[in-house]
Amino acid sequence: MNKHVYESDYSADSLRWLNKIIELNLKPSDHVGLEKFQDEIIVANDTAMAYFFATEFSYKVWRMQKLILDKKDPKYAFIFALTVPNADIKVL
C-alpha cells in the first residue's frame, strides 16, 4: 500500500525517494540501516526525504519531524501533519 500523497509539487521528491529506497534496499527491521539513512537525511537537511522516511518506516519519527520544523518547510510540515500518525501537530 502506498501512503504518500502524489501531487505535482511532490512528484520529483517522491521519485527521488523511490530511487533511493530501491538503491538502499532497506527493511523495516534493519534498525542499523534505518539509523544510518536517517543520519544522512539529517546531515543533508532534506525535508522531502524526512517526510517520506517517516511515512514509510515509522522509525524515530520525531527526528524527521524535528528536521522539518528546524527547516521551517511549510509544504512538508503541512503534509506531515496530515499523513503521519502521532505527528505533533501543535508544533507543526
N, C-alpha and C. Protein backbone atom coordinates (compact mmCIF):
# COMPACT_ATOMS: atom_id res chain seq x y z
N MET A 1 0.84 -1.18 0.00
CA MET A 1 0.00 0.00 0.00
C MET A 1 0.88 1.24 0.00
N ASN A 2 0.55 2.17 -0.83
CA ASN A 2 1.31 3.40 -0.91
C ASN A 2 0.64 4.47 -0.07
N LYS A 3 1.39 5.09 0.85
CA LYS A 3 0.83 6.03 1.80
C LYS A 3 1.13 7.47 1.45
N HIS A 4 1.77 7.73 0.36
CA HIS A 4 2.22 9.08 0.05
C HIS A 4 1.20 9.83 -0.78
N VAL A 5 1.22 11.13 -0.64
CA VAL A 5 0.36 12.00 -1.43
C VAL A 5 1.14 12.39 -2.68
N TYR A 6 0.60 12.04 -3.83
CA TYR A 6 1.28 12.37 -5.08
C TYR A 6 0.56 13.49 -5.78
N GLU A 7 1.15 14.63 -5.73
CA GLU A 7 0.67 15.79 -6.46
C GLU A 7 1.88 16.31 -7.24
N SER A 8 1.64 17.25 -8.10
CA SER A 8 2.74 17.75 -8.92
C SER A 8 3.86 18.35 -8.07
N ASP A 9 3.51 18.95 -6.93
CA ASP A 9 4.54 19.54 -6.07
C ASP A 9 5.42 18.49 -5.42
N TYR A 10 4.94 17.27 -5.32
CA TYR A 10 5.68 16.22 -4.62
C TYR A 10 6.26 15.16 -5.54
N SER A 11 5.94 15.20 -6.82
CA SER A 11 6.31 14.11 -7.72
C SER A 11 7.83 13.95 -7.88
N ALA A 12 8.56 15.03 -8.01
CA ALA A 12 10.02 14.93 -8.15
C ALA A 12 10.64 14.35 -6.88
N ASP A 13 10.14 14.81 -5.73
CA ASP A 13 10.65 14.29 -4.45
C ASP A 13 10.28 12.83 -4.25
N SER A 14 9.07 12.46 -4.64
CA SER A 14 8.67 11.06 -4.47
C SER A 14 9.48 10.14 -5.37
N LEU A 15 9.82 10.60 -6.56
CA LEU A 15 10.65 9.81 -7.46
C LEU A 15 12.06 9.65 -6.89
N ARG A 16 12.59 10.74 -6.33
CA ARG A 16 13.90 10.66 -5.67
C ARG A 16 13.86 9.65 -4.52
N TRP A 17 12.77 9.68 -3.74
CA TRP A 17 12.60 8.76 -2.62
C TRP A 17 12.59 7.32 -3.11
N LEU A 18 11.77 7.04 -4.11
CA LEU A 18 11.67 5.67 -4.63
C LEU A 18 13.01 5.17 -5.15
N ASN A 19 13.73 6.01 -5.85
CA ASN A 19 15.04 5.61 -6.35
C ASN A 19 16.01 5.31 -5.21
N LYS A 20 15.96 6.11 -4.16
CA LYS A 20 16.86 5.91 -3.02
C LYS A 20 16.51 4.62 -2.28
N ILE A 21 15.23 4.35 -2.10
CA ILE A 21 14.80 3.13 -1.41
C ILE A 21 15.20 1.89 -2.20
N ILE A 22 15.07 1.95 -3.50
CA ILE A 22 15.49 0.82 -4.34
C ILE A 22 17.00 0.62 -4.21
N GLU A 23 17.73 1.72 -4.21
CA GLU A 23 19.19 1.66 -4.09
C GLU A 23 19.62 1.05 -2.75
N LEU A 24 18.98 1.49 -1.66
CA LEU A 24 19.39 1.04 -0.32
C LEU A 24 18.82 -0.31 0.06
N ASN A 25 17.67 -0.67 -0.50
CA ASN A 25 17.00 -1.94 -0.20
C ASN A 25 16.83 -2.14 1.32
N LEU A 26 16.30 -1.11 1.99
CA LEU A 26 16.11 -1.16 3.44
C LEU A 26 14.87 -1.96 3.82
N LYS A 27 14.94 -2.59 4.94
CA LYS A 27 13.81 -3.33 5.52
C LYS A 27 13.43 -2.65 6.83
N PRO A 28 12.16 -2.66 7.22
CA PRO A 28 11.74 -2.05 8.49
C PRO A 28 12.45 -2.64 9.71
N SER A 29 12.91 -3.85 9.62
CA SER A 29 13.58 -4.49 10.75
C SER A 29 15.08 -4.18 10.81
N ASP A 30 15.61 -3.51 9.80
CA ASP A 30 17.04 -3.17 9.74
C ASP A 30 17.29 -1.84 10.45
N HIS A 31 17.32 -1.88 11.78
CA HIS A 31 17.45 -0.65 12.56
C HIS A 31 18.78 0.05 12.34
N VAL A 32 19.83 -0.68 12.12
CA VAL A 32 21.13 -0.06 11.86
C VAL A 32 21.09 0.71 10.53
N GLY A 33 20.54 0.09 9.52
CA GLY A 33 20.42 0.74 8.21
C GLY A 33 19.49 1.94 8.27
N LEU A 34 18.39 1.82 9.00
CA LEU A 34 17.45 2.93 9.12
C LEU A 34 18.10 4.11 9.85
N GLU A 35 18.84 3.81 10.90
CA GLU A 35 19.52 4.85 11.67
C GLU A 35 20.54 5.58 10.79
N LYS A 36 21.28 4.83 10.02
CA LYS A 36 22.29 5.42 9.13
C LYS A 36 21.62 6.31 8.08
N PHE A 37 20.54 5.83 7.51
CA PHE A 37 19.83 6.60 6.49
C PHE A 37 19.23 7.87 7.11
N GLN A 38 18.68 7.76 8.31
CA GLN A 38 18.16 8.95 8.99
C GLN A 38 19.28 9.97 9.21
N ASP A 39 20.43 9.51 9.62
CA ASP A 39 21.56 10.42 9.83
C ASP A 39 21.93 11.14 8.54
N GLU A 40 21.90 10.42 7.42
CA GLU A 40 22.19 11.02 6.11
C GLU A 40 21.16 12.11 5.77
N ILE A 41 19.90 11.81 6.04
CA ILE A 41 18.82 12.77 5.76
C ILE A 41 19.01 14.03 6.60
N ILE A 42 19.36 13.85 7.87
CA ILE A 42 19.54 14.99 8.78
C ILE A 42 20.75 15.83 8.35
N VAL A 43 21.85 15.19 8.01
CA VAL A 43 23.03 15.92 7.56
C VAL A 43 22.73 16.71 6.28
N ALA A 44 21.95 16.12 5.40
CA ALA A 44 21.60 16.77 4.13
C ALA A 44 20.50 17.82 4.30
N ASN A 45 19.86 17.87 5.48
CA ASN A 45 18.72 18.78 5.72
C ASN A 45 17.64 18.62 4.66
N ASP A 46 17.32 17.40 4.33
CA ASP A 46 16.39 17.09 3.24
C ASP A 46 14.99 16.81 3.81
N THR A 47 14.14 17.82 3.78
CA THR A 47 12.79 17.68 4.36
C THR A 47 11.92 16.71 3.58
N ALA A 48 12.12 16.63 2.28
CA ALA A 48 11.33 15.69 1.48
C ALA A 48 11.64 14.26 1.90
N MET A 49 12.91 13.93 1.99
CA MET A 49 13.30 12.59 2.42
C MET A 49 12.84 12.32 3.85
N ALA A 50 12.88 13.34 4.69
CA ALA A 50 12.41 13.19 6.08
C ALA A 50 10.94 12.81 6.11
N TYR A 51 10.15 13.48 5.31
CA TYR A 51 8.72 13.16 5.24
C TYR A 51 8.49 11.73 4.76
N PHE A 52 9.10 11.38 3.65
CA PHE A 52 8.89 10.05 3.09
C PHE A 52 9.42 8.96 4.02
N PHE A 53 10.54 9.21 4.69
CA PHE A 53 11.07 8.25 5.64
C PHE A 53 10.06 8.01 6.77
N ALA A 54 9.50 9.09 7.31
CA ALA A 54 8.55 8.97 8.42
C ALA A 54 7.30 8.20 8.02
N THR A 55 6.82 8.42 6.81
CA THR A 55 5.60 7.72 6.39
C THR A 55 5.87 6.26 6.03
N GLU A 56 7.04 5.99 5.53
CA GLU A 56 7.35 4.64 5.08
C GLU A 56 7.77 3.71 6.22
N PHE A 57 8.59 4.20 7.14
CA PHE A 57 9.19 3.32 8.13
C PHE A 57 8.67 3.52 9.55
N SER A 58 8.12 4.65 9.89
CA SER A 58 7.64 4.91 11.25
C SER A 58 8.70 4.59 12.30
N TYR A 59 9.93 4.91 12.00
CA TYR A 59 11.06 4.66 12.89
C TYR A 59 11.63 5.99 13.35
N LYS A 60 11.59 6.26 14.64
CA LYS A 60 12.07 7.52 15.22
C LYS A 60 11.54 8.71 14.42
N VAL A 61 10.25 8.75 14.28
CA VAL A 61 9.58 9.79 13.50
C VAL A 61 9.88 11.19 14.05
N TRP A 62 10.08 11.27 15.35
CA TRP A 62 10.35 12.57 15.98
C TRP A 62 11.59 13.23 15.39
N ARG A 63 12.57 12.46 14.97
CA ARG A 63 13.78 13.04 14.37
C ARG A 63 13.45 13.70 13.03
N MET A 64 12.58 13.06 12.26
CA MET A 64 12.20 13.61 10.97
C MET A 64 11.32 14.83 11.15
N GLN A 65 10.44 14.79 12.16
CA GLN A 65 9.60 15.95 12.45
C GLN A 65 10.45 17.15 12.86
N LYS A 66 11.46 16.90 13.69
CA LYS A 66 12.34 17.98 14.13
C LYS A 66 13.06 18.62 12.95
N LEU A 67 13.51 17.81 12.01
CA LEU A 67 14.18 18.34 10.83
C LEU A 67 13.24 19.26 10.05
N ILE A 68 12.02 18.81 9.84
CA ILE A 68 11.05 19.61 9.10
C ILE A 68 10.76 20.92 9.84
N LEU A 69 10.66 20.85 11.16
CA LEU A 69 10.43 22.05 11.96
C LEU A 69 11.62 23.00 11.90
N ASP A 70 12.81 22.46 12.05
CA ASP A 70 14.01 23.28 12.04
C ASP A 70 14.20 23.99 10.70
N LYS A 71 13.84 23.32 9.63
CA LYS A 71 13.97 23.92 8.29
C LYS A 71 12.83 24.87 7.96
N LYS A 72 11.76 24.82 8.77
CA LYS A 72 10.58 25.67 8.56
C LYS A 72 10.03 25.51 7.15
N ASP A 73 9.84 24.26 6.75
CA ASP A 73 9.33 23.94 5.43
C ASP A 73 7.82 23.79 5.49
N PRO A 74 7.05 24.79 5.05
CA PRO A 74 5.59 24.71 5.19
C PRO A 74 4.96 23.59 4.37
N LYS A 75 5.51 23.31 3.20
CA LYS A 75 4.93 22.27 2.34
C LYS A 75 4.97 20.92 3.05
N TYR A 76 6.11 20.56 3.58
CA TYR A 76 6.23 19.26 4.23
C TYR A 76 5.71 19.26 5.66
N ALA A 77 5.68 20.39 6.32
CA ALA A 77 5.08 20.45 7.65
C ALA A 77 3.59 20.16 7.55
N PHE A 78 2.94 20.73 6.57
CA PHE A 78 1.50 20.53 6.39
C PHE A 78 1.18 19.08 6.05
N ILE A 79 1.88 18.53 5.08
CA ILE A 79 1.59 17.15 4.66
C ILE A 79 2.00 16.15 5.74
N PHE A 80 3.04 16.47 6.51
CA PHE A 80 3.47 15.64 7.63
C PHE A 80 2.35 15.57 8.67
N ALA A 81 1.80 16.72 9.01
CA ALA A 81 0.72 16.77 9.99
C ALA A 81 -0.51 16.00 9.52
N LEU A 82 -0.77 16.01 8.23
CA LEU A 82 -1.94 15.32 7.68
C LEU A 82 -1.78 13.80 7.62
N THR A 83 -0.58 13.34 7.34
CA THR A 83 -0.44 11.93 6.98
C THR A 83 0.37 11.06 7.94
N VAL A 84 1.14 11.67 8.83
CA VAL A 84 1.99 10.87 9.71
C VAL A 84 1.26 10.63 11.03
N PRO A 85 0.99 9.37 11.35
CA PRO A 85 0.33 9.07 12.62
C PRO A 85 1.14 9.57 13.82
N ASN A 86 0.46 10.12 14.78
CA ASN A 86 1.07 10.62 16.02
C ASN A 86 2.00 11.81 15.81
N ALA A 87 1.84 12.52 14.71
CA ALA A 87 2.62 13.75 14.50
C ALA A 87 2.15 14.79 15.51
N ASP A 88 3.08 15.54 16.04
CA ASP A 88 2.74 16.59 16.99
C ASP A 88 2.30 17.82 16.20
N ILE A 89 1.02 17.88 15.88
CA ILE A 89 0.53 18.94 15.00
C ILE A 89 0.53 20.31 15.67
N LYS A 90 0.57 20.35 16.98
CA LYS A 90 0.62 21.65 17.67
C LYS A 90 1.92 22.38 17.33
N VAL A 91 3.02 21.66 17.26
CA VAL A 91 4.29 22.30 16.95
C VAL A 91 4.47 22.52 15.45
N LEU A 92 3.78 21.74 14.65
CA LEU A 92 3.88 21.91 13.20
C LEU A 92 3.05 23.10 12.79
